[in-house]
Each structure stands twice: as structure tokens, then as C-alpha cells.
Amino acid sequence: MTTYRIKTTDWKIWIPTLMVTMFGGALLSIKFLPKGDAISIISAIFIMLLAFFLQRFTSTALVEVTLTKNDISIRWLSQYIFHHYPDRTILFSDIESYKYQPDNNFDLLKLTMKDGSEVKLWHFALTFKDDFDKLVMDLPQLVNIFNKRVTSKSHSHADTPQADNEPQTIKQAATIYEGDGAIFIAIFAVIVIIAVPLILYFNPDDKKKNPFILLAPMAGAIFFLTQFYRYRKKNKTKP
């Protein structure tokens, strides 16, 4: 039995918290603060720090996950704002599939049950000092052990009908980098990577205004292509 403490983040709360704080703070600073480059820079830094500080109280929760050879226990030590998720224990035999999907901003660990319900744990990429990375490394190992156990048990009952003898293994679901639409997203990412430098080169005024507005999607495109190549290469080497 191994226990992991995870700082999970709900991006559907994180993004509005960030946007409302930054836009609200910007409007207030424009209306009430005196003009000046130094004051503008200081107020911008303060608003950004305040936005990241507030989202910790609205969109971040502390979850304790315990893995055994038979089940997964999820215990909510704290909750997102306006949410209340119950603690639960999930048997491996009730899980249809699992998926770990890395992301430029929010990594995802998803469990899909045989009854169609889902458990999602989102993890902000800049969150440190928790056990999320260890959890997503250990879970597949326990799943493989479980799958071998149920497969061997199925083979030991070879005299039963084929439909009843089918091993109920846990599948690894495809990520966005492996799906049918991944190639189209990859092509779009290549276009973004080519277009951004050209825009900055032929429109120097945009570079002076705020180059980060253009560089942010470029960083996302590079991340997607990296993961796209990584997963495609891994799938080719699978037996």
C-alpha cells in the first residue's frame, strides 16, 4: 500500500479566477492609480502575483490517493471552491481504462469506470512538492500486475464459455497525441511555429507591444509536437 498527496487544480476555476483578478485589477489600477511607467510595472506585477495567489484558494485542492494491489482510494483533504467531492474507494475490477495525459499547462490523470463514470485529477504543470509524478509512474505498474493476475485466472478456467472467459483487463486509453485528430493538430502546430517568427519579423510593432502574446501559442505548439512525436515513436516500438 502506497499513499500519495496530490495538489490537484480545476482549470475551469483556475482560468476564470486568473482572468477576473487580472482584468479587474487592471481596470482598478487605471482608474485609481496615478500614471507612470514605474507605477504601471509595479501594479502589473502585484496583480499577477495576486491572481496566482487567489487561485490557490479557489481552484486548488489537496487529495490523498492510496494504491493497493486491489483498489484505489481517493480522499479529499480540501476542496475546490463551491465543490464537494466525496471520498471513494475504486476496485481495479471496476475500472475500464486509465489515461495519463501530459500537457503544457494541466496534466490529466483519468480513470473511466465500467459503468461509464469518470474520475479526473488535473495537475497544474508548475505545481511542485507533491506526489503526482510518482503516482502516474506507479499506477501503470500496478495495473500491469492486476492485468496479469486476471489474465492468468482467465486461462485457468479454460473450460468455461469464451464470452465468460474473456479477461477483464484495464486498458490504457489513448491521449490527445494519439487520437485520430492528432495529425491535424500537429499540422496546425507546425503552421503556428512557422507563422509566429514571420509575424514578429515583418511586424516589428507587434514585437515592441507584447511579444509574449505570440510566443505563448508557439510554446504550446512546440510542446504538442514534442509529445506527438514521443507517443507515436513509443507506439511504434510496442510489440
C-alpha atoms as a PDB file:
ATOM      1  CA  MET A   1       0.000   0.000   0.000  1.00  0.00           C
ATOM      2  CA  THR A   2       1.357   3.409  -1.029  1.00  0.00           C
ATOM      3  CA  THR A   3      -0.155   6.822  -0.300  1.00  0.00           C
ATOM      4  CA  TYR A   4       0.344   9.936  -2.418  1.00  0.00           C
ATOM      5  CA  ARG A   5      -0.541  13.550  -1.675  1.00  0.00           C
ATOM      6  CA  ILE A   6      -1.616  15.426  -4.785  1.00  0.00           C
ATOM      7  CA  LYS A   7      -2.268  19.137  -5.323  1.00  0.00           C
ATOM      8  CA  THR A   8      -4.937  18.970  -7.993  1.00  0.00           C
ATOM      9  CA  THR A   9      -6.163  22.032  -9.896  1.00  0.00           C
ATOM     10  CA  ASP A  10      -9.506  22.529 -11.643  1.00  0.00           C
ATOM     11  CA  TRP A  11      -8.649  24.535 -14.773  1.00  0.00           C
ATOM     12  CA  LYS A  12     -12.318  25.508 -15.230  1.00  0.00           C
ATOM     13  CA  ILE A  13     -11.996  27.517 -11.988  1.00  0.00           C
ATOM     14  CA  TRP A  14      -8.330  28.447 -12.386  1.00  0.00           C
ATOM     15  CA  ILE A  15      -8.777  30.327 -15.666  1.00  0.00           C
ATOM     16  CA  PRO A  16     -11.778  32.496 -14.586  1.00  0.00           C
ATOM     17  CA  THR A  17     -10.039  33.302 -11.278  1.00  0.00           C
ATOM     18  CA  LEU A  18      -6.931  34.397 -13.151  1.00  0.00           C
ATOM     19  CA  MET A  19      -8.840  36.421 -15.764  1.00  0.00           C
ATOM     20  CA  VAL A  20     -11.212  38.171 -13.348  1.00  0.00           C
ATOM     21  CA  THR A  21      -8.372  39.122 -10.999  1.00  0.00           C
ATOM     22  CA  MET A  22      -6.086  40.397 -13.759  1.00  0.00           C
ATOM     23  CA  PHE A  23      -8.723  42.332 -15.710  1.00  0.00           C
ATOM     24  CA  GLY A  24     -10.376  43.651 -12.557  1.00  0.00           C
ATOM     25  CA  GLY A  25      -7.036  44.689 -11.114  1.00  0.00           C
ATOM     26  CA  ALA A  26      -6.039  46.360 -14.381  1.00  0.00           C
ATOM     27  CA  LEU A  27      -9.274  48.359 -14.518  1.00  0.00           C
ATOM     28  CA  LEU A  28      -8.934  49.459 -10.889  1.00  0.00           C
ATOM     29  CA  SER A  29      -5.293  50.470 -11.337  1.00  0.00           C
ATOM     30  CA  ILE A  30      -6.146  52.514 -14.449  1.00  0.00           C
ATOM     31  CA  LYS A  31      -8.976  54.287 -12.638  1.00  0.00           C
ATOM     32  CA  PHE A  32      -7.400  54.967  -9.243  1.00  0.00           C
ATOM     33  CA  LEU A  33      -3.601  54.872  -9.560  1.00  0.00           C
ATOM     34  CA  PRO A  34      -1.552  57.794 -10.893  1.00  0.00           C
ATOM     35  CA  LYS A  35       0.032  57.463 -14.318  1.00  0.00           C
ATOM     36  CA  GLY A  36       3.678  56.486 -14.681  1.00  0.00           C
ATOM     37  CA  ASP A  37       5.830  53.685 -16.053  1.00  0.00           C
ATOM     38  CA  ALA A  38       7.188  52.637 -12.645  1.00  0.00           C
ATOM     39  CA  ILE A  39       3.739  52.542 -11.047  1.00  0.00           C
ATOM     40  CA  SER A  40       2.330  50.613 -14.021  1.00  0.00           C
ATOM     41  CA  ILE A  41       5.061  47.973 -13.800  1.00  0.00           C
ATOM     42  CA  ILE A  42       4.679  47.604 -10.020  1.00  0.00           C
ATOM     43  CA  SER A  43       0.884  47.366 -10.248  1.00  0.00           C
ATOM     44  CA  ALA A  44       1.104  44.793 -13.074  1.00  0.00           C
ATOM     45  CA  ILE A  45       3.469  42.612 -11.038  1.00  0.00           C
ATOM     46  CA  PHE A  46       1.220  42.934  -7.964  1.00  0.00           C
ATOM     47  CA  ILE A  47      -1.907  41.984  -9.949  1.00  0.00           C
ATOM     48  CA  MET A  48      -0.206  38.912 -11.436  1.00  0.00           C
ATOM     49  CA  LEU A  49       1.025  37.765  -8.028  1.00  0.00           C
ATOM     50  CA  LEU A  50      -2.428  38.355  -6.536  1.00  0.00           C
ATOM     51  CA  ALA A  51      -4.080  36.355  -9.339  1.00  0.00           C
ATOM     52  CA  PHE A  52      -1.800  33.354  -8.822  1.00  0.00           C
ATOM     53  CA  PHE A  53      -2.224  33.639  -5.047  1.00  0.00           C
ATOM     54  CA  LEU A  54      -6.042  33.716  -5.172  1.00  0.00           C
ATOM     55  CA  GLN A  55      -6.339  30.701  -7.489  1.00  0.00           C
ATOM     56  CA  ARG A  56      -4.700  28.582  -4.795  1.00  0.00           C
ATOM     57  CA  PHE A  57      -7.808  29.138  -2.643  1.00  0.00           C
ATOM     58  CA  THR A  58     -10.406  28.750  -5.402  1.00  0.00           C
ATOM     59  CA  SER A  59      -9.155  26.103  -7.832  1.00  0.00           C
ATOM     60  CA  THR A  60      -6.624  24.011  -5.920  1.00  0.00           C
ATOM     61  CA  ALA A  61      -7.466  21.036  -3.688  1.00  0.00           C
ATOM     62  CA  LEU A  62      -5.364  18.576  -1.733  1.00  0.00           C
ATOM     63  CA  VAL A  63      -6.114  14.921  -2.475  1.00  0.00           C
ATOM     64  CA  GLU A  64      -4.732  11.805  -0.810  1.00  0.00           C
ATOM     65  CA  VAL A  65      -4.567   8.812  -3.153  1.00  0.00           C
ATOM     66  CA  THR A  66      -3.800   5.326  -1.824  1.00  0.00           C
ATOM     67  CA  LEU A  67      -2.909   2.435  -4.117  1.00  0.00           C
ATOM     68  CA  THR A  68      -3.111  -1.226  -3.180  1.00  0.00           C
ATOM     69  CA  LYS A  69      -2.962  -4.305  -5.382  1.00  0.00           C
ATOM     70  CA  ASN A  70      -6.792  -4.395  -5.484  1.00  0.00           C
ATOM     71  CA  ASP A  71      -8.064  -0.827  -5.350  1.00  0.00           C
ATOM     72  CA  ILE A  72      -7.525   2.927  -5.405  1.00  0.00           C
ATOM     73  CA  SER A  73      -8.714   5.117  -2.540  1.00  0.00           C
ATOM     74  CA  ILE A  74      -9.265   8.846  -3.087  1.00  0.00           C
ATOM     75  CA  ARG A  75      -9.618  11.083  -0.044  1.00  0.00           C
ATOM     76  CA  TRP A  76     -10.261  14.818  -0.411  1.00  0.00           C
ATOM     77  CA  LEU A  77      -8.348  16.689   2.287  1.00  0.00           C
ATOM     78  CA  SER A  78      -9.565  20.008   0.867  1.00  0.00           C
ATOM     79  CA  GLN A  79     -11.999  21.007  -1.893  1.00  0.00           C
ATOM     80  CA  TYR A  80     -12.273  23.446  -4.786  1.00  0.00           C
ATOM     81  CA  ILE A  81     -14.440  26.456  -4.055  1.00  0.00           C
ATOM     82  CA  PHE A  82     -18.187  25.646  -4.273  1.00  0.00           C
ATOM     83  CA  HIS A  83     -17.428  21.927  -4.748  1.00  0.00           C
ATOM     84  CA  HIS A  84     -17.709  18.883  -2.527  1.00  0.00           C
ATOM     85  CA  TYR A  85     -16.364  15.618  -3.923  1.00  0.00           C
ATOM     86  CA  PRO A  86     -16.945  12.550  -1.724  1.00  0.00           C
ATOM     87  CA  ASP A  87     -14.162  10.214  -0.701  1.00  0.00           C
ATOM     88  CA  ARG A  88     -14.306   6.913  -2.538  1.00  0.00           C
ATOM     89  CA  THR A  89     -12.582   3.578  -2.986  1.00  0.00           C
ATOM     90  CA  ILE A  90     -12.429   2.139  -6.501  1.00  0.00           C
ATOM     91  CA  LEU A  91     -11.754  -1.523  -7.170  1.00  0.00           C
ATOM     92  CA  PHE A  92      -9.404  -2.254 -10.051  1.00  0.00           C
ATOM     93  CA  SER A  93     -12.024  -4.710 -11.294  1.00  0.00           C
ATOM     94  CA  ASP A  94     -14.437  -1.767 -11.757  1.00  0.00           C
ATOM     95  CA  ILE A  95     -12.040   0.261 -13.933  1.00  0.00           C
ATOM     96  CA  GLU A  96     -12.448   0.106 -17.705  1.00  0.00           C
ATOM     97  CA  SER A  97      -9.425   2.246 -18.610  1.00  0.00           C
ATOM     98  CA  TYR A  98      -6.948   4.812 -17.340  1.00  0.00           C
ATOM     99  CA  LYS A  99      -5.127   7.658 -19.030  1.00  0.00           C
ATOM    100  CA  TYR A 100      -2.232   9.899 -18.131  1.00  0.00           C
ATOM    101  CA  GLN A 101      -2.013  12.854 -20.493  1.00  0.00           C
ATOM    102  CA  PRO A 102       0.825  15.367 -20.016  1.00  0.00           C
ATOM    103  CA  ASP A 103       0.089  18.942 -21.015  1.00  0.00           C
ATOM    104  CA  ASN A 104       1.848  22.266 -21.336  1.00  0.00           C
ATOM    105  CA  ASN A 105      -0.323  23.621 -18.509  1.00  0.00           C
ATOM    106  CA  PHE A 106      -2.583  20.974 -16.954  1.00  0.00           C
ATOM    107  CA  ASP A 107      -1.630  17.303 -16.826  1.00  0.00           C
ATOM    108  CA  LEU A 108      -4.520  14.840 -16.585  1.00  0.00           C
ATOM    109  CA  LEU A 109      -4.925  11.515 -14.811  1.00  0.00           C
ATOM    110  CA  LYS A 110      -8.271   9.989 -15.770  1.00  0.00           C
ATOM    111  CA  LEU A 111      -9.991   6.790 -14.674  1.00  0.00           C
ATOM    112  CA  THR A 112     -13.014   5.537 -16.618  1.00  0.00           C
ATOM    113  CA  MET A 113     -15.276   3.051 -14.856  1.00  0.00           C
ATOM    114  CA  LYS A 114     -17.163   0.181 -16.433  1.00  0.00           C
ATOM    115  CA  ASP A 115     -20.410   1.970 -15.600  1.00  0.00           C
ATOM    116  CA  GLY A 116     -19.279   4.993 -17.662  1.00  0.00           C
ATOM    117  CA  SER A 117     -18.432   7.310 -14.755  1.00  0.00           C
ATOM    118  CA  GLU A 118     -15.076   9.081 -14.634  1.00  0.00           C
ATOM    119  CA  VAL A 119     -12.555  10.343 -12.105  1.00  0.00           C
ATOM    120  CA  LYS A 120     -10.297  13.178 -13.272  1.00  0.00           C
ATOM    121  CA  LEU A 121      -7.335  14.631 -11.426  1.00  0.00           C
ATOM    122  CA  TRP A 122      -5.911  17.714 -13.118  1.00  0.00           C
ATOM    123  CA  HIS A 123      -2.423  18.838 -12.140  1.00  0.00           C
ATOM    124  CA  PHE A 124      -1.020  22.298 -12.881  1.00  0.00           C
ATOM    125  CA  ALA A 125       2.360  21.969 -14.585  1.00  0.00           C
ATOM    126  CA  LEU A 126       4.012  24.493 -12.244  1.00  0.00           C
ATOM    127  CA  THR A 127       2.877  22.655  -9.104  1.00  0.00           C
ATOM    128  CA  PHE A 128       5.794  21.180  -7.202  1.00  0.00           C
ATOM    129  CA  LYS A 129       6.380  19.376  -3.916  1.00  0.00           C
ATOM    130  CA  ASP A 130       3.636  16.794  -4.315  1.00  0.00           C
ATOM    131  CA  ASP A 131       3.492  13.138  -5.389  1.00  0.00           C
ATOM    132  CA  PHE A 132       1.704  13.440  -8.737  1.00  0.00           C
ATOM    133  CA  ASP A 133       4.703  12.393 -10.838  1.00  0.00           C
ATOM    134  CA  LYS A 134       5.284   9.371  -8.621  1.00  0.00           C
ATOM    135  CA  LEU A 135       1.597   8.412  -8.807  1.00  0.00           C
ATOM    136  CA  VAL A 136       1.476   8.437 -12.619  1.00  0.00           C
ATOM    137  CA  MET A 137       4.621   6.277 -12.681  1.00  0.00           C
ATOM    138  CA  ASP A 138       3.423   3.728 -10.117  1.00  0.00           C
ATOM    139  CA  LEU A 139      -0.186   3.339 -11.308  1.00  0.00           C
ATOM    140  CA  PRO A 140       0.664   1.643 -14.656  1.00  0.00           C
ATOM    141  CA  GLN A 141       2.862  -0.856 -12.832  1.00  0.00           C
ATOM    142  CA  LEU A 142       0.007  -1.867 -10.520  1.00  0.00           C
ATOM    143  CA  VAL A 143      -2.372  -2.003 -13.493  1.00  0.00           C
ATOM    144  CA  ASN A 144       0.018  -4.375 -15.301  1.00  0.00           C
ATOM    145  CA  ILE A 145       0.208  -6.598 -12.215  1.00  0.00           C
ATOM    146  CA  PHE A 146      -3.598  -6.642 -11.986  1.00  0.00           C
ATOM    147  CA  ASN A 147      -3.956  -7.424 -15.700  1.00  0.00           C
ATOM    148  CA  LYS A 148      -1.516 -10.333 -15.447  1.00  0.00           C
ATOM    149  CA  ARG A 149      -3.425 -11.673 -12.460  1.00  0.00           C
ATOM    150  CA  VAL A 150      -6.834 -11.593 -14.139  1.00  0.00           C
ATOM    151  CA  THR A 151      -5.409 -12.965 -17.388  1.00  0.00           C
ATOM    152  CA  SER A 152      -3.803 -15.929 -15.659  1.00  0.00           C
ATOM    153  CA  LYS A 153      -7.028 -16.537 -13.738  1.00  0.00           C
ATOM    154  CA  SER A 154      -8.953 -16.493 -17.015  1.00  0.00           C
ATOM    155  CA  HIS A 155      -6.582 -19.036 -18.561  1.00  0.00           C
ATOM    156  CA  SER A 156      -7.011 -21.317 -15.574  1.00  0.00           C
ATOM    157  CA  HIS A 157     -10.752 -21.502 -16.385  1.00  0.00           C
ATOM    158  CA  ALA A 158     -10.300 -22.530 -19.997  1.00  0.00           C
ATOM    159  CA  ASP A 159     -13.268 -24.900 -19.857  1.00  0.00           C
ATOM    160  CA  THR A 160     -15.763 -22.018 -19.412  1.00  0.00           C
ATOM    161  CA  PRO A 161     -17.505 -20.399 -22.423  1.00  0.00           C
ATOM    162  CA  GLN A 162     -15.364 -17.918 -24.390  1.00  0.00           C
ATOM    163  CA  ALA A 163     -17.519 -14.881 -23.547  1.00  0.00           C
ATOM    164  CA  ASP A 164     -17.357 -15.638 -19.831  1.00  0.00           C
ATOM    165  CA  ASN A 165     -13.672 -16.455 -20.025  1.00  0.00           C
ATOM    166  CA  GLU A 166     -12.650 -13.100 -21.555  1.00  0.00           C
ATOM    167  CA  PRO A 167     -10.166 -11.425 -19.161  1.00  0.00           C
ATOM    168  CA  GLN A 168     -11.471  -8.116 -17.747  1.00  0.00           C
ATOM    169  CA  THR A 169      -8.216  -6.192 -18.019  1.00  0.00           C
ATOM    170  CA  ILE A 170      -7.743  -2.442 -17.568  1.00  0.00           C
ATOM    171  CA  LYS A 171      -6.964  -0.683 -20.838  1.00  0.00           C
ATOM    172  CA  GLN A 172      -4.713   2.303 -21.346  1.00  0.00           C
ATOM    173  CA  ALA A 173      -6.782   4.959 -23.120  1.00  0.00           C
ATOM    174  CA  ALA A 174      -5.287   6.989 -25.946  1.00  0.00           C
ATOM    175  CA  THR A 175      -4.156  10.546 -25.254  1.00  0.00           C
ATOM    176  CA  ILE A 176      -4.867  13.558 -27.431  1.00  0.00           C
ATOM    177  CA  TYR A 177      -1.452  12.968 -29.028  1.00  0.00           C
ATOM    178  CA  GLU A 178      -2.540   9.515 -30.247  1.00  0.00           C
ATOM    179  CA  GLY A 179      -6.119  10.149 -31.331  1.00  0.00           C
ATOM    180  CA  ASP A 180      -7.442  10.371 -34.882  1.00  0.00           C
ATOM    181  CA  GLY A 181      -7.318  14.171 -34.888  1.00  0.00           C
ATOM    182  CA  ALA A 182      -3.756  14.403 -33.565  1.00  0.00           C
ATOM    183  CA  ILE A 183      -2.204  14.654 -37.033  1.00  0.00           C
ATOM    184  CA  PHE A 184      -4.369  17.691 -37.871  1.00  0.00           C
ATOM    185  CA  ILE A 185      -3.450  19.401 -34.600  1.00  0.00           C
ATOM    186  CA  ALA A 186       0.215  18.634 -35.315  1.00  0.00           C
ATOM    187  CA  ILE A 187      -0.066  20.246 -38.772  1.00  0.00           C
ATOM    188  CA  PHE A 188      -1.676  23.327 -37.205  1.00  0.00           C
ATOM    189  CA  ALA A 189       1.122  23.422 -34.602  1.00  0.00           C
ATOM    190  CA  VAL A 190       3.723  23.437 -37.391  1.00  0.00           C
ATOM    191  CA  ILE A 191       1.888  26.340 -39.052  1.00  0.00           C
ATOM    192  CA  VAL A 192       1.938  28.262 -35.745  1.00  0.00           C
ATOM    193  CA  ILE A 193       5.672  27.655 -35.275  1.00  0.00           C
ATOM    194  CA  ILE A 194       6.375  28.942 -38.789  1.00  0.00           C
ATOM    195  CA  ALA A 195       3.934  31.851 -38.620  1.00  0.00           C
ATOM    196  CA  VAL A 196       4.970  33.402 -35.288  1.00  0.00           C
ATOM    197  CA  PRO A 197       8.581  34.259 -36.247  1.00  0.00           C
ATOM    198  CA  LEU A 198       7.343  35.620 -39.594  1.00  0.00           C
ATOM    199  CA  ILE A 199       4.773  37.844 -37.868  1.00  0.00           C
ATOM    200  CA  LEU A 200       7.373  39.163 -35.435  1.00  0.00           C
ATOM    201  CA  TYR A 201       9.842  39.762 -38.279  1.00  0.00           C
ATOM    202  CA  PHE A 202       7.504  41.535 -40.679  1.00  0.00           C
ATOM    203  CA  ASN A 203       5.558  43.378 -37.952  1.00  0.00           C
ATOM    204  CA  PRO A 204       8.163  44.795 -35.559  1.00  0.00           C
ATOM    205  CA  ASP A 205       5.472  46.900 -33.885  1.00  0.00           C
ATOM    206  CA  ASP A 206       3.887  43.702 -32.532  1.00  0.00           C
ATOM    207  CA  LYS A 207       7.250  42.682 -31.107  1.00  0.00           C
ATOM    208  CA  LYS A 208       7.511  46.000 -29.264  1.00  0.00           C
ATOM    209  CA  LYS A 209       3.970  45.843 -27.921  1.00  0.00           C
ATOM    210  CA  ASN A 210       3.937  42.412 -26.318  1.00  0.00           C
ATOM    211  CA  PRO A 211       5.802  39.510 -27.960  1.00  0.00           C
ATOM    212  CA  PHE A 212       4.584  37.106 -25.241  1.00  0.00           C
ATOM    213  CA  ILE A 213       1.079  37.176 -26.759  1.00  0.00           C
ATOM    214  CA  LEU A 214       2.518  35.425 -29.822  1.00  0.00           C
ATOM    215  CA  LEU A 215       5.208  33.379 -28.074  1.00  0.00           C
ATOM    216  CA  ALA A 216       2.692  31.689 -25.731  1.00  0.00           C
ATOM    217  CA  PRO A 217       0.873  29.773 -28.522  1.00  0.00           C
ATOM    218  CA  MET A 218       4.244  28.959 -30.074  1.00  0.00           C
ATOM    219  CA  ALA A 219       5.351  27.336 -26.799  1.00  0.00           C
ATOM    220  CA  GLY A 220       2.127  25.303 -26.738  1.00  0.00           C
ATOM    221  CA  ALA A 221       2.666  24.214 -30.345  1.00  0.00           C
ATOM    222  CA  ILE A 222       6.226  23.070 -29.625  1.00  0.00           C
ATOM    223  CA  PHE A 223       5.037  21.112 -26.588  1.00  0.00           C
ATOM    224  CA  PHE A 224       2.308  19.376 -28.600  1.00  0.00           C
ATOM    225  CA  LEU A 225       4.707  18.377 -31.375  1.00  0.00           C
ATOM    226  CA  THR A 226       7.187  17.040 -28.839  1.00  0.00           C
ATOM    227  CA  GLN A 227       4.528  14.853 -27.204  1.00  0.00           C
ATOM    228  CA  PHE A 228       3.078  13.870 -30.590  1.00  0.00           C
ATOM    229  CA  TYR A 229       6.474  12.570 -31.713  1.00  0.00           C
ATOM    230  CA  ARG A 230       7.139  10.892 -28.365  1.00  0.00           C
ATOM    231  CA  TYR A 231       3.862   8.952 -28.268  1.00  0.00           C
ATOM    232  CA  ARG A 232       3.992   7.986 -31.938  1.00  0.00           C
ATOM    233  CA  LYS A 233       7.516   6.683 -31.500  1.00  0.00           C
ATOM    234  CA  LYS A 234       6.528   4.761 -28.351  1.00  0.00           C
ATOM    235  CA  ASN A 235       3.559   3.153 -30.084  1.00  0.00           C
ATOM    236  CA  LYS A 236       5.736   2.020 -32.995  1.00  0.00           C
ATOM    237  CA  THR A 237       8.083   0.208 -30.617  1.00  0.00           C
ATOM    238  CA  LYS A 238       5.246  -1.631 -28.863  1.00  0.00           C
ATOM    239  CA  PRO A 239       5.175  -5.386 -29.631  1.00  0.00           C
END
